[in-house]
Amino acid sequence: MKKGNLEKEQKELVLARFRTLNPNSKIILGGMGEITVGEMIENIEEGNELGKKIVAVQIRMLQVLAT
């Protein structure tokens, strides 16, 4: 699988997980303070650095849970 396809699939997986949550729910991100689920979704959809970091952390968490 190409890297671009893998990143797209990971992004869609994380978005699907977050879309099951209340968009107004707040989460504390280390060093950033509070952010809502809706704001995280926006950052992931924009593909900015924060969005990419959120996807990477979520994928790592899923990998840990799977082992």
Protein backbone atom coordinates (compact mmCIF):
# COMPACT_ATOMS: atom_id res chain seq x y z
CA MET A 1 0.00 0.00 0.00
CA LYS A 2 1.28 3.44 -0.90
CA LYS A 3 2.09 5.86 1.92
CA GLY A 4 -0.50 8.39 0.75
CA ASN A 5 -3.24 5.75 0.73
CA LEU A 6 -2.27 4.54 4.20
CA GLU A 7 -2.34 8.08 5.58
CA LYS A 8 -5.74 8.69 4.00
CA GLU A 9 -7.15 5.47 5.47
CA GLN A 10 -5.74 6.30 8.91
CA LYS A 11 -7.23 9.79 8.71
CA GLU A 12 -10.65 8.39 7.76
CA LEU A 13 -10.50 5.84 10.59
CA VAL A 14 -9.76 8.52 13.18
CA LEU A 15 -12.46 10.80 11.76
CA ALA A 16 -15.00 7.95 11.92
CA ARG A 17 -14.11 7.34 15.58
CA PHE A 18 -14.35 11.03 16.53
CA ARG A 19 -17.64 11.50 14.67
CA THR A 20 -19.27 9.04 17.10
CA LEU A 21 -18.53 11.48 19.95
CA ASN A 22 -20.32 14.63 21.00
CA PRO A 23 -18.59 17.43 19.02
CA ASN A 24 -18.84 19.74 22.03
CA SER A 25 -16.99 17.35 24.35
CA LYS A 26 -13.70 18.79 25.50
CA ILE A 27 -10.41 16.95 25.70
CA ILE A 28 -7.22 18.21 27.29
CA LEU A 29 -4.20 17.92 25.03
CA GLY A 30 -0.84 18.12 26.74
CA GLY A 31 0.71 21.52 26.27
CA MET A 32 -2.29 22.85 24.34
CA GLY A 33 -5.06 23.07 26.88
CA GLU A 34 -8.66 22.19 26.02
CA ILE A 35 -9.93 21.41 22.55
CA THR A 36 -13.35 20.17 21.53
CA VAL A 37 -13.91 17.03 19.51
CA GLY A 38 -15.37 19.25 16.78
CA GLU A 39 -12.18 21.32 16.69
CA MET A 40 -10.09 18.16 16.45
CA ILE A 41 -12.22 16.98 13.53
CA GLU A 42 -11.73 20.34 11.80
CA ASN A 43 -7.95 20.13 12.23
CA ILE A 44 -7.85 16.57 10.89
CA GLU A 45 -9.99 17.50 7.88
CA GLU A 46 -7.76 20.52 7.14
CA GLY A 47 -4.70 18.29 7.29
CA ASN A 48 -2.70 20.82 9.28
CA GLU A 49 0.12 19.87 11.65
CA LEU A 50 -2.16 19.52 14.67
CA GLY A 51 -4.54 17.34 12.68
CA LYS A 52 -1.68 15.11 11.52
CA LYS A 53 -0.42 14.79 15.10
CA ILE A 54 -3.88 13.85 16.37
CA VAL A 55 -4.14 11.12 13.72
CA ALA A 56 -0.67 9.79 14.56
CA VAL A 57 -1.42 9.65 18.29
CA GLN A 58 -4.77 7.96 17.74
CA ILE A 59 -3.27 5.34 15.41
CA ARG A 60 -0.51 4.66 17.93
CA MET A 61 -3.12 4.24 20.67
CA LEU A 62 -5.02 1.73 18.54
CA GLN A 63 -1.81 -0.19 17.87
CA VAL A 64 -1.11 -0.39 21.60
CA LEU A 65 -4.65 -1.55 22.33
CA ALA A 66 -4.37 -4.23 19.63
CA THR A 67 -1.30 -5.83 21.23
